[in-house]
Amino acid sequence: MRLKPEQITILQEDLCAELVEILMNEWHYSMQESLSILYNSDTFTLIQDVGTGLYFQSAGYVYTFLEEELKKGKVA
């Protein structure tokens, strides 16, 4: 089964919402800070790249990439 572009967009948006929630809970960032961190991360770029298929993975799995960026100070 092939997903339609709008279905992929929904998956990407839902994943990003879950990642923001994790950032707020784990790192105690505000929603604004969490959104900024996510949108300025390499992880977000990978989620938006349909070719990676990352949008189809669990939030916990994708969070490991974002967490590594945060720990290494790679998020702008």
N, C-alpha and C. Protein backbone atom coordinates (compact mmCIF):
# COMPACT_ATOMS: atom_id res chain seq x y z
N MET A 1 0.84 -1.18 0.00
CA MET A 1 0.00 0.00 0.00
C MET A 1 0.89 1.25 0.00
N ARG A 2 0.60 2.13 -0.87
CA ARG A 2 1.35 3.39 -0.97
C ARG A 2 0.54 4.50 -0.31
N LEU A 3 1.22 5.28 0.53
CA LEU A 3 0.54 6.39 1.22
C LEU A 3 0.42 7.59 0.30
N LYS A 4 -0.68 8.30 0.45
CA LYS A 4 -0.88 9.54 -0.28
C LYS A 4 -0.08 10.64 0.42
N PRO A 5 0.30 11.69 -0.32
CA PRO A 5 1.07 12.79 0.29
C PRO A 5 0.40 13.37 1.54
N GLU A 6 -0.92 13.50 1.52
CA GLU A 6 -1.60 14.06 2.69
C GLU A 6 -1.53 13.13 3.89
N GLN A 7 -1.49 11.82 3.64
CA GLN A 7 -1.34 10.86 4.74
C GLN A 7 0.05 10.95 5.35
N ILE A 8 1.04 11.13 4.50
CA ILE A 8 2.42 11.29 4.98
C ILE A 8 2.54 12.55 5.82
N THR A 9 1.91 13.62 5.36
CA THR A 9 1.94 14.88 6.11
C THR A 9 1.33 14.71 7.49
N ILE A 10 0.24 13.98 7.58
CA ILE A 10 -0.41 13.73 8.87
C ILE A 10 0.53 12.95 9.78
N LEU A 11 1.18 11.93 9.25
CA LEU A 11 2.13 11.14 10.05
C LEU A 11 3.29 12.01 10.54
N GLN A 12 3.80 12.87 9.67
CA GLN A 12 4.90 13.76 10.04
C GLN A 12 4.46 14.72 11.15
N GLU A 13 3.29 15.30 11.00
CA GLU A 13 2.78 16.25 12.00
C GLU A 13 2.54 15.57 13.34
N ASP A 14 1.96 14.38 13.31
CA ASP A 14 1.70 13.64 14.55
C ASP A 14 3.01 13.28 15.25
N LEU A 15 3.99 12.84 14.49
CA LEU A 15 5.29 12.49 15.04
C LEU A 15 5.93 13.71 15.69
N CYS A 16 5.88 14.83 15.01
CA CYS A 16 6.47 16.07 15.55
C CYS A 16 5.76 16.50 16.83
N ALA A 17 4.45 16.36 16.88
CA ALA A 17 3.71 16.70 18.09
C ALA A 17 4.14 15.82 19.26
N GLU A 18 4.35 14.54 18.99
CA GLU A 18 4.81 13.62 20.03
C GLU A 18 6.22 13.97 20.49
N LEU A 19 7.08 14.35 19.56
CA LEU A 19 8.45 14.72 19.91
C LEU A 19 8.48 15.98 20.77
N VAL A 20 7.63 16.94 20.44
CA VAL A 20 7.54 18.17 21.25
C VAL A 20 7.08 17.82 22.66
N GLU A 21 6.12 16.93 22.77
CA GLU A 21 5.64 16.52 24.09
C GLU A 21 6.76 15.84 24.89
N ILE A 22 7.54 15.01 24.23
CA ILE A 22 8.65 14.35 24.91
C ILE A 22 9.67 15.38 25.39
N LEU A 23 10.00 16.35 24.54
CA LEU A 23 10.94 17.39 24.94
C LEU A 23 10.43 18.16 26.16
N MET A 24 9.15 18.43 26.18
CA MET A 24 8.56 19.17 27.30
C MET A 24 8.63 18.34 28.58
N ASN A 25 8.39 17.05 28.47
CA ASN A 25 8.39 16.18 29.66
C ASN A 25 9.80 15.81 30.12
N GLU A 26 10.67 15.47 29.19
CA GLU A 26 12.00 14.99 29.55
C GLU A 26 12.99 16.11 29.88
N TRP A 27 12.89 17.21 29.15
CA TRP A 27 13.85 18.30 29.30
C TRP A 27 13.24 19.52 29.98
N HIS A 28 11.96 19.47 30.25
CA HIS A 28 11.24 20.57 30.92
C HIS A 28 11.31 21.88 30.14
N TYR A 29 11.31 21.76 28.82
CA TYR A 29 11.26 22.94 27.97
C TYR A 29 9.82 23.40 27.83
N SER A 30 9.63 24.67 27.55
CA SER A 30 8.29 25.16 27.23
C SER A 30 7.92 24.65 25.84
N MET A 31 6.66 24.82 25.48
CA MET A 31 6.24 24.40 24.14
C MET A 31 6.99 25.18 23.07
N GLN A 32 7.13 26.48 23.30
CA GLN A 32 7.85 27.34 22.34
C GLN A 32 9.29 26.87 22.16
N GLU A 33 9.97 26.59 23.27
CA GLU A 33 11.36 26.11 23.21
C GLU A 33 11.43 24.76 22.51
N SER A 34 10.51 23.89 22.83
CA SER A 34 10.49 22.55 22.23
C SER A 34 10.28 22.62 20.73
N LEU A 35 9.36 23.46 20.30
CA LEU A 35 9.12 23.63 18.86
C LEU A 35 10.36 24.18 18.17
N SER A 36 10.99 25.16 18.77
CA SER A 36 12.18 25.77 18.19
C SER A 36 13.31 24.74 18.07
N ILE A 37 13.50 23.97 19.12
CA ILE A 37 14.54 22.94 19.10
C ILE A 37 14.27 21.93 18.00
N LEU A 38 13.05 21.44 17.94
CA LEU A 38 12.71 20.44 16.92
C LEU A 38 12.89 21.00 15.52
N TYR A 39 12.32 22.18 15.26
CA TYR A 39 12.36 22.75 13.91
C TYR A 39 13.77 23.11 13.45
N ASN A 40 14.69 23.31 14.38
CA ASN A 40 16.07 23.65 14.03
C ASN A 40 17.01 22.45 14.09
N SER A 41 16.46 21.26 14.18
CA SER A 41 17.27 20.06 14.30
C SER A 41 17.44 19.33 12.97
N ASP A 42 18.51 18.54 12.90
CA ASP A 42 18.70 17.66 11.75
C ASP A 42 17.62 16.58 11.73
N THR A 43 17.17 16.19 12.90
CA THR A 43 16.12 15.18 13.00
C THR A 43 14.85 15.64 12.28
N PHE A 44 14.48 16.90 12.47
CA PHE A 44 13.29 17.44 11.79
C PHE A 44 13.48 17.38 10.28
N THR A 45 14.67 17.72 9.82
CA THR A 45 14.96 17.67 8.38
C THR A 45 14.78 16.25 7.86
N LEU A 46 15.23 15.27 8.64
CA LEU A 46 15.09 13.87 8.23
C LEU A 46 13.62 13.43 8.23
N ILE A 47 12.85 13.92 9.19
CA ILE A 47 11.42 13.58 9.24
C ILE A 47 10.72 14.13 7.99
N GLN A 48 11.09 15.32 7.57
CA GLN A 48 10.47 15.96 6.41
C GLN A 48 10.90 15.33 5.09
N ASP A 49 12.03 14.64 5.09
CA ASP A 49 12.52 13.97 3.89
C ASP A 49 11.81 12.62 3.76
N VAL A 50 10.84 12.56 2.88
CA VAL A 50 10.01 11.37 2.72
C VAL A 50 10.86 10.14 2.40
N GLY A 51 11.96 10.34 1.72
CA GLY A 51 12.83 9.23 1.33
C GLY A 51 13.43 8.47 2.50
N THR A 52 13.54 9.11 3.66
CA THR A 52 14.12 8.43 4.83
C THR A 52 13.14 7.46 5.47
N GLY A 53 11.84 7.73 5.31
CA GLY A 53 10.82 6.90 5.94
C GLY A 53 10.75 7.10 7.45
N LEU A 54 11.49 8.08 7.97
CA LEU A 54 11.54 8.29 9.41
C LEU A 54 10.17 8.67 9.97
N TYR A 55 9.35 9.31 9.17
CA TYR A 55 8.00 9.71 9.59
C TYR A 55 7.14 8.50 9.95
N PHE A 56 7.55 7.33 9.52
CA PHE A 56 6.79 6.10 9.72
C PHE A 56 7.24 5.35 10.97
N GLN A 57 8.25 5.86 11.66
CA GLN A 57 8.79 5.21 12.85
C GLN A 57 8.11 5.74 14.12
N SER A 58 8.36 5.07 15.21
CA SER A 58 7.76 5.50 16.49
C SER A 58 8.45 6.75 17.01
N ALA A 59 7.73 7.51 17.81
CA ALA A 59 8.29 8.72 18.40
C ALA A 59 9.48 8.39 19.30
N GLY A 60 9.40 7.29 20.02
CA GLY A 60 10.51 6.88 20.88
C GLY A 60 11.78 6.62 20.10
N TYR A 61 11.64 5.95 18.98
CA TYR A 61 12.80 5.67 18.13
C TYR A 61 13.38 6.96 17.56
N VAL A 62 12.55 7.82 17.01
CA VAL A 62 13.01 9.06 16.40
C VAL A 62 13.59 9.99 17.46
N TYR A 63 13.03 9.93 18.67
CA TYR A 63 13.55 10.76 19.76
C TYR A 63 15.01 10.45 20.06
N THR A 64 15.43 9.21 19.88
CA THR A 64 16.84 8.87 20.15
C THR A 64 17.78 9.69 19.27
N PHE A 65 17.37 9.99 18.05
CA PHE A 65 18.18 10.83 17.17
C PHE A 65 18.22 12.27 17.69
N LEU A 66 17.05 12.77 18.06
CA LEU A 66 16.96 14.14 18.57
C LEU A 66 17.72 14.28 19.88
N GLU A 67 17.60 13.29 20.73
CA GLU A 67 18.30 13.32 22.02
C GLU A 67 19.81 13.37 21.82
N GLU A 68 20.32 12.61 20.87
CA GLU A 68 21.76 12.65 20.57
C GLU A 68 22.18 14.04 20.11
N GLU A 69 21.36 14.67 19.29
CA GLU A 69 21.66 16.03 18.85
C GLU A 69 21.72 16.98 20.04
N LEU A 70 20.78 16.84 20.95
CA LEU A 70 20.73 17.71 22.12
C LEU A 70 21.96 17.49 23.01
N LYS A 71 22.30 16.24 23.24
CA LYS A 71 23.44 15.93 24.10
C LYS A 71 24.76 16.41 23.51
N LYS A 72 24.85 16.39 22.19
CA LYS A 72 26.08 16.81 21.53
C LYS A 72 26.07 18.29 21.18
N GLY A 73 24.97 18.97 21.49
CA GLY A 73 24.88 20.40 21.23
C GLY A 73 24.80 20.76 19.77
N LYS A 74 24.21 19.87 18.97
CA LYS A 74 24.14 20.09 17.52
C LYS A 74 22.89 20.85 17.08
N VAL A 75 21.95 21.06 17.99
CA VAL A 75 20.73 21.79 17.64
C VAL A 75 21.00 23.27 17.77
N ALA A 76 20.67 24.02 16.71
CA ALA A 76 20.95 25.47 16.72
C ALA A 76 20.04 26.21 17.66
